[in-house]
Amino acid sequence: MTTLLARKAQAHQTVLVSHMTPYDPTYQAQQQAIQSAFAPHSGTVQAGQQALAVSYNMVVQQSTLLAYIDNFRWLALVSLICVVGVFLLKRVHAHGPGAVH
């Protein structure tokens, strides 16, 4: 499950990052807002780097959450299949010498 979690997180991160382009007005507005919040404390150059770090952190958190959701769905499906499989199994009765009745 850990391997599946890591791979799904990477896949989701790839999809999420593809939407973060400098040409997207929403992304630009978000970066400007974050950068303007950091600028008075650390300067404009470092504020730009911190804004990118905050955005990357959000992408990592969201991709990890999506990966956990995917893993939960797989585990729920496997559990459901196991529960149904239990009811499909035939009960075996022991007959013969030494069988407990």
PDB file of N, CA and C in Angstrom:
ATOM      1  N   MET A   1       0.829  -1.187   0.000  1.00  0.00           N
ATOM      2  CA  MET A   1       0.000   0.000   0.000  1.00  0.00           C
ATOM      3  C   MET A   1       0.875   1.253   0.000  1.00  0.00           C
ATOM      4  N   THR A   2       2.026   1.174   0.643  1.00  0.00           N
ATOM      5  CA  THR A   2       2.913   2.329   0.680  1.00  0.00           C
ATOM      6  C   THR A   2       3.447   2.660  -0.705  1.00  0.00           C
ATOM      7  N   THR A   3       3.812   1.632  -1.443  1.00  0.00           N
ATOM      8  CA  THR A   3       4.287   1.848  -2.806  1.00  0.00           C
ATOM      9  C   THR A   3       3.178   2.428  -3.672  1.00  0.00           C
ATOM     10  N   LEU A   4       1.991   1.881  -3.540  1.00  0.00           N
ATOM     11  CA  LEU A   4       0.860   2.400  -4.298  1.00  0.00           C
ATOM     12  C   LEU A   4       0.572   3.844  -3.918  1.00  0.00           C
ATOM     13  N   LEU A   5       0.673   4.158  -2.642  1.00  0.00           N
ATOM     14  CA  LEU A   5       0.456   5.523  -2.176  1.00  0.00           C
ATOM     15  C   LEU A   5       1.474   6.476  -2.799  1.00  0.00           C
ATOM     16  N   ALA A   6       2.733   6.105  -2.806  1.00  0.00           N
ATOM     17  CA  ALA A   6       3.783   6.962  -3.365  1.00  0.00           C
ATOM     18  C   ALA A   6       3.589   7.156  -4.866  1.00  0.00           C
ATOM     19  N   ARG A   7       3.274   6.094  -5.570  1.00  0.00           N
ATOM     20  CA  ARG A   7       3.092   6.204  -7.023  1.00  0.00           C
ATOM     21  C   ARG A   7       1.870   7.037  -7.385  1.00  0.00           C
ATOM     22  N   LYS A   8       0.786   6.826  -6.658  1.00  0.00           N
ATOM     23  CA  LYS A   8      -0.431   7.613  -6.943  1.00  0.00           C
ATOM     24  C   LYS A   8      -0.224   9.081  -6.590  1.00  0.00           C
ATOM     25  N   ALA A   9       0.516   9.348  -5.516  1.00  0.00           N
ATOM     26  CA  ALA A   9       0.800  10.739  -5.143  1.00  0.00           C
ATOM     27  C   ALA A   9       1.614  11.418  -6.239  1.00  0.00           C
ATOM     28  N   GLN A  10       2.583  10.711  -6.800  1.00  0.00           N
ATOM     29  CA  GLN A  10       3.376  11.271  -7.889  1.00  0.00           C
ATOM     30  C   GLN A  10       2.521  11.515  -9.123  1.00  0.00           C
ATOM     31  N   ALA A  11       1.620  10.588  -9.420  1.00  0.00           N
ATOM     32  CA  ALA A  11       0.746  10.759 -10.583  1.00  0.00           C
ATOM     33  C   ALA A  11      -0.191  11.945 -10.396  1.00  0.00           C
ATOM     34  N   HIS A  12      -0.771  12.064  -9.211  1.00  0.00           N
ATOM     35  CA  HIS A  12      -1.657  13.197  -8.949  1.00  0.00           C
ATOM     36  C   HIS A  12      -0.888  14.513  -8.950  1.00  0.00           C
ATOM     37  N   GLN A  13       0.342  14.481  -8.452  1.00  0.00           N
ATOM     38  CA  GLN A  13       1.154  15.689  -8.434  1.00  0.00           C
ATOM     39  C   GLN A  13       1.457  16.140  -9.861  1.00  0.00           C
ATOM     40  N   THR A  14       1.721  15.211 -10.747  1.00  0.00           N
ATOM     41  CA  THR A  14       1.973  15.551 -12.140  1.00  0.00           C
ATOM     42  C   THR A  14       0.768  16.232 -12.764  1.00  0.00           C
ATOM     43  N   VAL A  15      -0.410  15.717 -12.479  1.00  0.00           N
ATOM     44  CA  VAL A  15      -1.630  16.307 -13.033  1.00  0.00           C
ATOM     45  C   VAL A  15      -1.867  17.698 -12.450  1.00  0.00           C
ATOM     46  N   LEU A  16      -1.701  17.842 -11.139  1.00  0.00           N
ATOM     47  CA  LEU A  16      -1.953  19.128 -10.498  1.00  0.00           C
ATOM     48  C   LEU A  16      -0.949  20.189 -10.947  1.00  0.00           C
ATOM     49  N   VAL A  17       0.311  19.813 -11.076  1.00  0.00           N
ATOM     50  CA  VAL A  17       1.339  20.773 -11.486  1.00  0.00           C
ATOM     51  C   VAL A  17       1.120  21.228 -12.924  1.00  0.00           C
ATOM     52  N   SER A  18       0.555  20.370 -13.735  1.00  0.00           N
ATOM     53  CA  SER A  18       0.326  20.763 -15.130  1.00  0.00           C
ATOM     54  C   SER A  18      -0.659  21.921 -15.252  1.00  0.00           C
ATOM     55  N   HIS A  19      -1.460  22.134 -14.221  1.00  0.00           N
ATOM     56  CA  HIS A  19      -2.408  23.245 -14.231  1.00  0.00           C
ATOM     57  C   HIS A  19      -1.812  24.529 -13.662  1.00  0.00           C
ATOM     58  N   MET A  20      -0.622  24.446 -13.128  1.00  0.00           N
ATOM     59  CA  MET A  20       0.018  25.613 -12.524  1.00  0.00           C
ATOM     60  C   MET A  20       0.994  26.239 -13.521  1.00  0.00           C
ATOM     61  N   THR A  21       0.476  26.996 -14.443  1.00  0.00           N
ATOM     62  CA  THR A  21       1.317  27.653 -15.430  1.00  0.00           C
ATOM     63  C   THR A  21       1.321  29.156 -15.174  1.00  0.00           C
ATOM     64  N   PRO A  22       2.389  29.841 -15.558  1.00  0.00           N
ATOM     65  CA  PRO A  22       2.433  31.285 -15.367  1.00  0.00           C
ATOM     66  C   PRO A  22       1.429  32.023 -16.251  1.00  0.00           C
ATOM     67  N   TYR A  23       0.822  31.331 -17.184  1.00  0.00           N
ATOM     68  CA  TYR A  23      -0.156  31.952 -18.082  1.00  0.00           C
ATOM     69  C   TYR A  23      -1.584  31.863 -17.543  1.00  0.00           C
ATOM     70  N   ASP A  24      -1.754  31.121 -16.466  1.00  0.00           N
ATOM     71  CA  ASP A  24      -3.075  30.975 -15.849  1.00  0.00           C
ATOM     72  C   ASP A  24      -3.334  32.165 -14.927  1.00  0.00           C
ATOM     73  N   PRO A  25      -4.394  32.950 -15.179  1.00  0.00           N
ATOM     74  CA  PRO A  25      -4.653  34.129 -14.355  1.00  0.00           C
ATOM     75  C   PRO A  25      -4.919  33.797 -12.882  1.00  0.00           C
ATOM     76  N   THR A  26      -5.554  32.677 -12.613  1.00  0.00           N
ATOM     77  CA  THR A  26      -5.821  32.281 -11.232  1.00  0.00           C
ATOM     78  C   THR A  26      -4.511  31.970 -10.510  1.00  0.00           C
ATOM     79  N   TYR A  27      -3.632  31.259 -11.181  1.00  0.00           N
ATOM     80  CA  TYR A  27      -2.339  30.941 -10.594  1.00  0.00           C
ATOM     81  C   TYR A  27      -1.527  32.214 -10.354  1.00  0.00           C
ATOM     82  N   GLN A  28      -1.540  33.127 -11.316  1.00  0.00           N
ATOM     83  CA  GLN A  28      -0.822  34.393 -11.157  1.00  0.00           C
ATOM     84  C   GLN A  28      -1.358  35.182  -9.963  1.00  0.00           C
ATOM     85  N   ALA A  29      -2.668  35.227  -9.824  1.00  0.00           N
ATOM     86  CA  ALA A  29      -3.278  35.968  -8.718  1.00  0.00           C
ATOM     87  C   ALA A  29      -2.906  35.335  -7.379  1.00  0.00           C
ATOM     88  N   GLN A  30      -2.907  34.009  -7.327  1.00  0.00           N
ATOM     89  CA  GLN A  30      -2.543  33.324  -6.095  1.00  0.00           C
ATOM     90  C   GLN A  30      -1.089  33.607  -5.742  1.00  0.00           C
ATOM     91  N   GLN A  31      -0.206  33.511  -6.725  1.00  0.00           N
ATOM     92  CA  GLN A  31       1.206  33.769  -6.467  1.00  0.00           C
ATOM     93  C   GLN A  31       1.437  35.206  -6.013  1.00  0.00           C
ATOM     94  N   GLN A  32       0.758  36.138  -6.636  1.00  0.00           N
ATOM     95  CA  GLN A  32       0.902  37.549  -6.248  1.00  0.00           C
ATOM     96  C   GLN A  32       0.425  37.772  -4.819  1.00  0.00           C
ATOM     97  N   ALA A  33      -0.686  37.153  -4.449  1.00  0.00           N
ATOM     98  CA  ALA A  33      -1.221  37.313  -3.093  1.00  0.00           C
ATOM     99  C   ALA A  33      -0.260  36.745  -2.053  1.00  0.00           C
ATOM    100  N   ILE A  34       0.273  35.557  -2.333  1.00  0.00           N
ATOM    101  CA  ILE A  34       1.212  34.940  -1.393  1.00  0.00           C
ATOM    102  C   ILE A  34       2.503  35.765  -1.320  1.00  0.00           C
ATOM    103  N   GLN A  35       2.979  36.187  -2.479  1.00  0.00           N
ATOM    104  CA  GLN A  35       4.215  36.960  -2.524  1.00  0.00           C
ATOM    105  C   GLN A  35       4.061  38.299  -1.799  1.00  0.00           C
ATOM    106  N   SER A  36       2.930  38.950  -1.965  1.00  0.00           N
ATOM    107  CA  SER A  36       2.723  40.232  -1.292  1.00  0.00           C
ATOM    108  C   SER A  36       2.599  40.055   0.226  1.00  0.00           C
ATOM    109  N   ALA A  37       2.160  38.878   0.669  1.00  0.00           N
ATOM    110  CA  ALA A  37       2.093  38.617   2.113  1.00  0.00           C
ATOM    111  C   ALA A  37       3.492  38.429   2.706  1.00  0.00           C
ATOM    112  N   PHE A  38       4.411  37.839   1.936  1.00  0.00           N
ATOM    113  CA  PHE A  38       5.767  37.598   2.427  1.00  0.00           C
ATOM    114  C   PHE A  38       6.704  38.782   2.197  1.00  0.00           C
ATOM    115  N   ALA A  39       6.426  39.627   1.221  1.00  0.00           N
ATOM    116  CA  ALA A  39       7.345  40.697   0.821  1.00  0.00           C
ATOM    117  C   ALA A  39       7.744  41.642   1.955  1.00  0.00           C
ATOM    118  N   PRO A  40       6.830  42.109   2.813  1.00  0.00           N
ATOM    119  CA  PRO A  40       7.270  43.041   3.871  1.00  0.00           C
ATOM    120  C   PRO A  40       8.267  42.426   4.859  1.00  0.00           C
ATOM    121  N   HIS A  41       8.251  41.110   5.004  1.00  0.00           N
ATOM    122  CA  HIS A  41       9.109  40.460   5.996  1.00  0.00           C
ATOM    123  C   HIS A  41      10.443  39.990   5.424  1.00  0.00           C
ATOM    124  N   SER A  42      10.461  39.643   4.129  1.00  0.00           N
ATOM    125  CA  SER A  42      11.663  39.003   3.608  1.00  0.00           C
ATOM    126  C   SER A  42      12.191  39.604   2.309  1.00  0.00           C
ATOM    127  N   GLY A  43      11.551  40.605   1.754  1.00  0.00           N
ATOM    128  CA  GLY A  43      12.001  41.173   0.483  1.00  0.00           C
ATOM    129  C   GLY A  43      11.324  40.512  -0.694  1.00  0.00           C
ATOM    130  N   THR A  44      11.369  41.174  -1.835  1.00  0.00           N
ATOM    131  CA  THR A  44      10.598  40.694  -2.991  1.00  0.00           C
ATOM    132  C   THR A  44      11.165  39.422  -3.615  1.00  0.00           C
ATOM    133  N   VAL A  45      12.498  39.318  -3.688  1.00  0.00           N
ATOM    134  CA  VAL A  45      13.089  38.129  -4.326  1.00  0.00           C
ATOM    135  C   VAL A  45      12.807  36.886  -3.489  1.00  0.00           C
ATOM    136  N   GLN A  46      13.079  36.977  -2.205  1.00  0.00           N
ATOM    137  CA  GLN A  46      12.838  35.821  -1.339  1.00  0.00           C
ATOM    138  C   GLN A  46      11.342  35.554  -1.199  1.00  0.00           C
ATOM    139  N   ALA A  47      10.516  36.595  -1.265  1.00  0.00           N
ATOM    140  CA  ALA A  47       9.065  36.400  -1.190  1.00  0.00           C
ATOM    141  C   ALA A  47       8.565  35.608  -2.390  1.00  0.00           C
ATOM    142  N   GLY A  48       9.147  35.836  -3.554  1.00  0.00           N
ATOM    143  CA  GLY A  48       8.778  35.059  -4.739  1.00  0.00           C
ATOM    144  C   GLY A  48       9.121  33.593  -4.581  1.00  0.00           C
ATOM    145  N   GLN A  49      10.289  33.315  -4.008  1.00  0.00           N
ATOM    146  CA  GLN A  49      10.694  31.934  -3.766  1.00  0.00           C
ATOM    147  C   GLN A  49       9.800  31.281  -2.722  1.00  0.00           C
ATOM    148  N   GLN A  50       9.453  32.038  -1.695  1.00  0.00           N
ATOM    149  CA  GLN A  50       8.581  31.495  -0.655  1.00  0.00           C
ATOM    150  C   GLN A  50       7.180  31.230  -1.200  1.00  0.00           C
ATOM    151  N   ALA A  51       6.712  32.081  -2.104  1.00  0.00           N
ATOM    152  CA  ALA A  51       5.395  31.866  -2.715  1.00  0.00           C
ATOM    153  C   ALA A  51       5.385  30.575  -3.525  1.00  0.00           C
ATOM    154  N   LEU A  52       6.474  30.318  -4.256  1.00  0.00           N
ATOM    155  CA  LEU A  52       6.571  29.063  -5.007  1.00  0.00           C
ATOM    156  C   LEU A  52       6.615  27.869  -4.061  1.00  0.00           C
ATOM    157  N   ALA A  53       7.327  28.015  -2.946  1.00  0.00           N
ATOM    158  CA  ALA A  53       7.414  26.924  -1.966  1.00  0.00           C
ATOM    159  C   ALA A  53       6.051  26.632  -1.345  1.00  0.00           C
ATOM    160  N   VAL A  54       5.294  27.679  -1.052  1.00  0.00           N
ATOM    161  CA  VAL A  54       3.950  27.489  -0.480  1.00  0.00           C
ATOM    162  C   VAL A  54       3.050  26.785  -1.489  1.00  0.00           C
ATOM    163  N   SER A  55       3.128  27.201  -2.754  1.00  0.00           N
ATOM    164  CA  SER A  55       2.309  26.560  -3.791  1.00  0.00           C
ATOM    165  C   SER A  55       2.687  25.100  -3.966  1.00  0.00           C
ATOM    166  N   TYR A  56       3.983  24.816  -3.956  1.00  0.00           N
ATOM    167  CA  TYR A  56       4.437  23.436  -4.078  1.00  0.00           C
ATOM    168  C   TYR A  56       3.960  22.598  -2.893  1.00  0.00           C
ATOM    169  N   ASN A  57       4.023  23.167  -1.700  1.00  0.00           N
ATOM    170  CA  ASN A  57       3.557  22.460  -0.509  1.00  0.00           C
ATOM    171  C   ASN A  57       2.074  22.132  -0.618  1.00  0.00           C
ATOM    172  N   MET A  58       1.291  23.055  -1.136  1.00  0.00           N
ATOM    173  CA  MET A  58      -0.147  22.790  -1.323  1.00  0.00           C
ATOM    174  C   MET A  58      -0.369  21.667  -2.330  1.00  0.00           C
ATOM    175  N   VAL A  59       0.418  21.655  -3.397  1.00  0.00           N
ATOM    176  CA  VAL A  59       0.289  20.596  -4.403  1.00  0.00           C
ATOM    177  C   VAL A  59       0.640  19.242  -3.795  1.00  0.00           C
ATOM    178  N   VAL A  60       1.703  19.186  -3.012  1.00  0.00           N
ATOM    179  CA  VAL A  60       2.111  17.925  -2.374  1.00  0.00           C
ATOM    180  C   VAL A  60       1.023  17.441  -1.422  1.00  0.00           C
ATOM    181  N   GLN A  61       0.463  18.341  -0.622  1.00  0.00           N
ATOM    182  CA  GLN A  61      -0.592  17.951   0.312  1.00  0.00           C
ATOM    183  C   GLN A  61      -1.827  17.438  -0.428  1.00  0.00           C
ATOM    184  N   GLN A  62      -2.227  18.135  -1.475  1.00  0.00           N
ATOM    185  CA  GLN A  62      -3.426  17.719  -2.211  1.00  0.00           C
ATOM    186  C   GLN A  62      -3.195  16.416  -2.963  1.00  0.00           C
ATOM    187  N   SER A  63      -2.018  16.242  -3.548  1.00  0.00           N
ATOM    188  CA  SER A  63      -1.751  14.991  -4.264  1.00  0.00           C
ATOM    189  C   SER A  63      -1.673  13.811  -3.299  1.00  0.00           C
ATOM    190  N   THR A  64      -1.136  14.030  -2.110  1.00  0.00           N
ATOM    191  CA  THR A  64      -1.087  12.966  -1.112  1.00  0.00           C
ATOM    192  C   THR A  64      -2.492  12.605  -0.633  1.00  0.00           C
ATOM    193  N   LEU A  65      -3.319  13.613  -0.422  1.00  0.00           N
ATOM    194  CA  LEU A  65      -4.710  13.353  -0.026  1.00  0.00           C
ATOM    195  C   LEU A  65      -5.434  12.541  -1.095  1.00  0.00           C
ATOM    196  N   LEU A  66      -5.265  12.910  -2.350  1.00  0.00           N
ATOM    197  CA  LEU A  66      -5.905  12.165  -3.438  1.00  0.00           C
ATOM    198  C   LEU A  66      -5.385  10.724  -3.499  1.00  0.00           C
ATOM    199  N   ALA A  67      -4.106  10.538  -3.224  1.00  0.00           N
ATOM    200  CA  ALA A  67      -3.540   9.189  -3.216  1.00  0.00           C
ATOM    201  C   ALA A  67      -4.129   8.359  -2.074  1.00  0.00           C
ATOM    202  N   TYR A  68      -4.304   8.966  -0.902  1.00  0.00           N
ATOM    203  CA  TYR A  68      -4.943   8.246   0.213  1.00  0.00           C
ATOM    204  C   TYR A  68      -6.380   7.867  -0.135  1.00  0.00           C
ATOM    205  N   ILE A  69      -7.084   8.760  -0.812  1.00  0.00           N
ATOM    206  CA  ILE A  69      -8.460   8.455  -1.230  1.00  0.00           C
ATOM    207  C   ILE A  69      -8.465   7.274  -2.198  1.00  0.00           C
ATOM    208  N   ASP A  70      -7.516   7.279  -3.145  1.00  0.00           N
ATOM    209  CA  ASP A  70      -7.417   6.155  -4.089  1.00  0.00           C
ATOM    210  C   ASP A  70      -7.136   4.845  -3.362  1.00  0.00           C
ATOM    211  N   ASN A  71      -6.196   4.877  -2.405  1.00  0.00           N
ATOM    212  CA  ASN A  71      -5.890   3.665  -1.641  1.00  0.00           C
ATOM    213  C   ASN A  71      -7.093   3.192  -0.835  1.00  0.00           C
ATOM    214  N   PHE A  72      -7.808   4.128  -0.239  1.00  0.00           N
ATOM    215  CA  PHE A  72      -9.001   3.764   0.518  1.00  0.00           C
ATOM    216  C   PHE A  72     -10.025   3.091  -0.385  1.00  0.00           C
ATOM    217  N   ARG A  73     -10.203   3.603  -1.583  1.00  0.00           N
ATOM    218  CA  ARG A  73     -11.152   2.980  -2.520  1.00  0.00           C
ATOM    219  C   ARG A  73     -10.724   1.571  -2.883  1.00  0.00           C
ATOM    220  N   TRP A  74      -9.415   1.366  -3.108  1.00  0.00           N
ATOM    221  CA  TRP A  74      -8.936   0.021  -3.431  1.00  0.00           C
ATOM    222  C   TRP A  74      -9.160  -0.929  -2.264  1.00  0.00           C
ATOM    223  N   LEU A  75      -8.851  -0.479  -1.062  1.00  0.00           N
ATOM    224  CA  LEU A  75      -9.053  -1.334   0.107  1.00  0.00           C
ATOM    225  C   LEU A  75     -10.531  -1.634   0.335  1.00  0.00           C
ATOM    226  N   ALA A  76     -11.394  -0.654   0.086  1.00  0.00           N
ATOM    227  CA  ALA A  76     -12.833  -0.890   0.224  1.00  0.00           C
ATOM    228  C   ALA A  76     -13.298  -1.915  -0.807  1.00  0.00           C
ATOM    229  N   LEU A  77     -12.794  -1.822  -2.034  1.00  0.00           N
ATOM    230  CA  LEU A  77     -13.170  -2.777  -3.081  1.00  0.00           C
ATOM    231  C   LEU A  77     -12.683  -4.183  -2.736  1.00  0.00           C
ATOM    232  N   VAL A  78     -11.450  -4.293  -2.286  1.00  0.00           N
ATOM    233  CA  VAL A  78     -10.911  -5.606  -1.914  1.00  0.00           C
ATOM    234  C   VAL A  78     -11.694  -6.186  -0.733  1.00  0.00           C
ATOM    235  N   SER A  79     -12.030  -5.347   0.231  1.00  0.00           N
ATOM    236  CA  SER A  79     -12.816  -5.822   1.379  1.00  0.00           C
ATOM    237  C   SER A  79     -14.190  -6.301   0.954  1.00  0.00           C
ATOM    238  N   LEU A  80     -14.814  -5.567   0.064  1.00  0.00           N
ATOM    239  CA  LEU A  80     -16.131  -5.962  -0.435  1.00  0.00           C
ATOM    240  C   LEU A  80     -16.055  -7.293  -1.182  1.00  0.00           C
ATOM    241  N   ILE A  81     -15.033  -7.463  -1.980  1.00  0.00           N
ATOM    242  CA  ILE A  81     -14.859  -8.724  -2.711  1.00  0.00           C
ATOM    243  C   ILE A  81     -14.636  -9.868  -1.723  1.00  0.00           C
ATOM    244  N   CYS A  82     -13.873  -9.631  -0.670  1.00  0.00           N
ATOM    245  CA  CYS A  82     -13.637 -10.678   0.343  1.00  0.00           C
ATOM    246  C   CYS A  82     -14.918 -11.036   1.082  1.00  0.00           C
ATOM    247  N   VAL A  83     -15.720 -10.049   1.422  1.00  0.00           N
ATOM    248  CA  VAL A  83     -16.976 -10.322   2.125  1.00  0.00           C
ATOM    249  C   VAL A  83     -17.915 -11.128   1.234  1.00  0.00           C
ATOM    250  N   VAL A  84     -18.021 -10.750  -0.018  1.00  0.00           N
ATOM    251  CA  VAL A  84     -18.869 -11.503  -0.950  1.00  0.00           C
ATOM    252  C   VAL A  84     -18.301 -12.909  -1.141  1.00  0.00           C
ATOM    253  N   GLY A  85     -16.972 -13.011  -1.209  1.00  0.00           N
ATOM    254  CA  GLY A  85     -16.336 -14.323  -1.376  1.00  0.00           C
ATOM    255  C   GLY A  85     -16.608 -15.259  -0.223  1.00  0.00           C
ATOM    256  N   VAL A  86     -16.706 -14.733   0.981  1.00  0.00           N
ATOM    257  CA  VAL A  86     -16.996 -15.573   2.148  1.00  0.00           C
ATOM    258  C   VAL A  86     -18.362 -16.229   2.001  1.00  0.00           C
ATOM    259  N   PHE A  87     -19.332 -15.503   1.522  1.00  0.00           N
ATOM    260  CA  PHE A  87     -20.675 -16.060   1.371  1.00  0.00           C
ATOM    261  C   PHE A  87     -20.772 -17.037   0.203  1.00  0.00           C
ATOM    262  N   LEU A  88     -19.840 -16.981  -0.712  1.00  0.00           N
ATOM    263  CA  LEU A  88     -19.850 -17.906  -1.840  1.00  0.00           C
ATOM    264  C   LEU A  88     -19.125 -19.216  -1.544  1.00  0.00           C
ATOM    265  N   LEU A  89     -18.372 -19.247  -0.475  1.00  0.00           N
ATOM    266  CA  LEU A  89     -17.654 -20.468  -0.123  1.00  0.00           C
ATOM    267  C   LEU A  89     -18.625 -21.502   0.425  1.00  0.00           C
ATOM    268  N   LYS A  90     -18.312 -22.751   0.133  1.00  0.00           N
ATOM    269  CA  LYS A  90     -19.163 -23.846   0.577  1.00  0.00           C
ATOM    270  C   LYS A  90     -18.654 -24.360   1.908  1.00  0.00           C
ATOM    271  N   ARG A  91     -19.542 -24.571   2.842  1.00  0.00           N
ATOM    272  CA  ARG A  91     -19.167 -25.086   4.159  1.00  0.00           C
ATOM    273  C   ARG A  91     -18.853 -26.574   4.013  1.00  0.00           C
ATOM    274  N   VAL A  92     -17.737 -26.975   4.553  1.00  0.00           N
ATOM    275  CA  VAL A  92     -17.300 -28.377   4.468  1.00  0.00           C
ATOM    276  C   VAL A  92     -17.562 -29.037   5.813  1.00  0.00           C
ATOM    277  N   HIS A  93     -18.237 -30.183   5.767  1.00  0.00           N
ATOM    278  CA  HIS A  93     -18.509 -30.964   6.980  1.00  0.00           C
ATOM    279  C   HIS A  93     -17.598 -32.156   6.986  1.00  0.00           C
ATOM    280  N   ALA A  94     -16.947 -32.389   8.108  1.00  0.00           N
ATOM    281  CA  ALA A  94     -16.041 -33.518   8.228  1.00  0.00           C
ATOM    282  C   ALA A  94     -16.833 -34.781   8.543  1.00  0.00           C
ATOM    283  N   HIS A  95     -16.589 -35.847   7.814  1.00  0.00           N
ATOM    284  CA  HIS A  95     -17.229 -37.135   8.059  1.00  0.00           C
ATOM    285  C   HIS A  95     -16.141 -38.177   8.167  1.00  0.00           C
ATOM    286  N   GLY A  96     -16.410 -39.163   8.943  1.00  0.00           N
ATOM    287  CA  GLY A  96     -15.438 -40.237   9.065  1.00  0.00           C
ATOM    288  C   GLY A  96     -14.951 -40.407  10.475  1.00  0.00           C
ATOM    289  N   PRO A  97     -13.986 -41.305  10.670  1.00  0.00           N
ATOM    290  CA  PRO A  97     -13.491 -41.572  12.032  1.00  0.00           C
ATOM    291  C   PRO A  97     -12.774 -40.361  12.593  1.00  0.00           C
ATOM    292  N   GLY A  98     -13.051 -40.075  13.833  1.00  0.00           N
ATOM    293  CA  GLY A  98     -12.398 -38.950  14.508  1.00  0.00           C
ATOM    294  C   GLY A  98     -13.048 -37.621  14.233  1.00  0.00           C
ATOM    295  N   ALA A  99     -14.136 -37.595  13.493  1.00  0.00           N
ATOM    296  CA  ALA A  99     -14.806 -36.332  13.196  1.00  0.00           C
ATOM    297  C   ALA A  99     -15.614 -35.903  14.411  1.00  0.00           C
ATOM    298  N   VAL A 100     -15.553 -34.645  14.716  1.00  0.00           N
ATOM    299  CA  VAL A 100     -16.298 -34.114  15.853  1.00  0.00           C
ATOM    300  C   VAL A 100     -17.688 -33.743  15.391  1.00  0.00           C
ATOM    301  N   HIS A 101     -18.692 -34.185  16.161  1.00  0.00           N
ATOM    302  CA  HIS A 101     -20.070 -33.909  15.765  1.00  0.00           C
ATOM    303  C   HIS A 101     -20.647 -32.828  16.615  1.00  0.00           C
TER     304      HIS A 101
END
